[in-house]
């Protein structure tokens, strides 16, 4: 991907990536789409949050997943990668998610203690521990239940056994952590995958952003076709 024909004074693109579970899967996808961070990005001792890339017109910032959406929605970053859970939780009007990358697969689920057999629909009010209050409230409202959300950023599985909340809403991959803490899934709120996200204004005004969307779309389609052939 080149920047031939761009004005000399055009601003640098900022590409936001999330710390945590998605990043390892995202990096090879990014590389195939032409976005590669410099060596310092992979240095475990580095405390930097912004990194150069192999493109002189682009830098990468590494932040928390929820912050990726905020940076891109407000135009501080023009492009990013984040899970669809984050996109749905914030529902930013200025955020556009044009490409499903098909990585970071998991689900957002409701869980409770295995010993708790009372259905949520049988109560009118329920305390739920989660870092997804908007999605949680919408889910329970649809069932006629008022969810009082206790915001936690980790150790969600401890909340029911310690009496902090009766149920939890959290990301689930294999379900092993739930089982090891005496919890069972009762509902799936959302199937999740990582998405390429862009700022809507940047997409309209900077052709490099549109070019990135095309590059990631081609990469996702190529992987899908390869998977179909292998199957």
Foldseek 3Di string as FASTA:
>chain_A
DDDPPDDPPDAAAEEEEEPDDFVVVVQVLCVQLPWAFDPVVVDPPDPDQKTHTPDNRYIYGYYHQLVNVVCQQVVVHFKYKHKVLSCVLVVRPQKDFLFFLQPPWWFWFKKFAPPDPDDQLVDAEFEEEEQRVRLVQVVVVVSNHGYNYDYDDDPRLCCCVVVNTGMYIDIGHPCPVNVVSRMDTDDTSGTMTMTMMGGNVCVVVPVVSVSSSVSSRVSSVVVVVVVVVVD
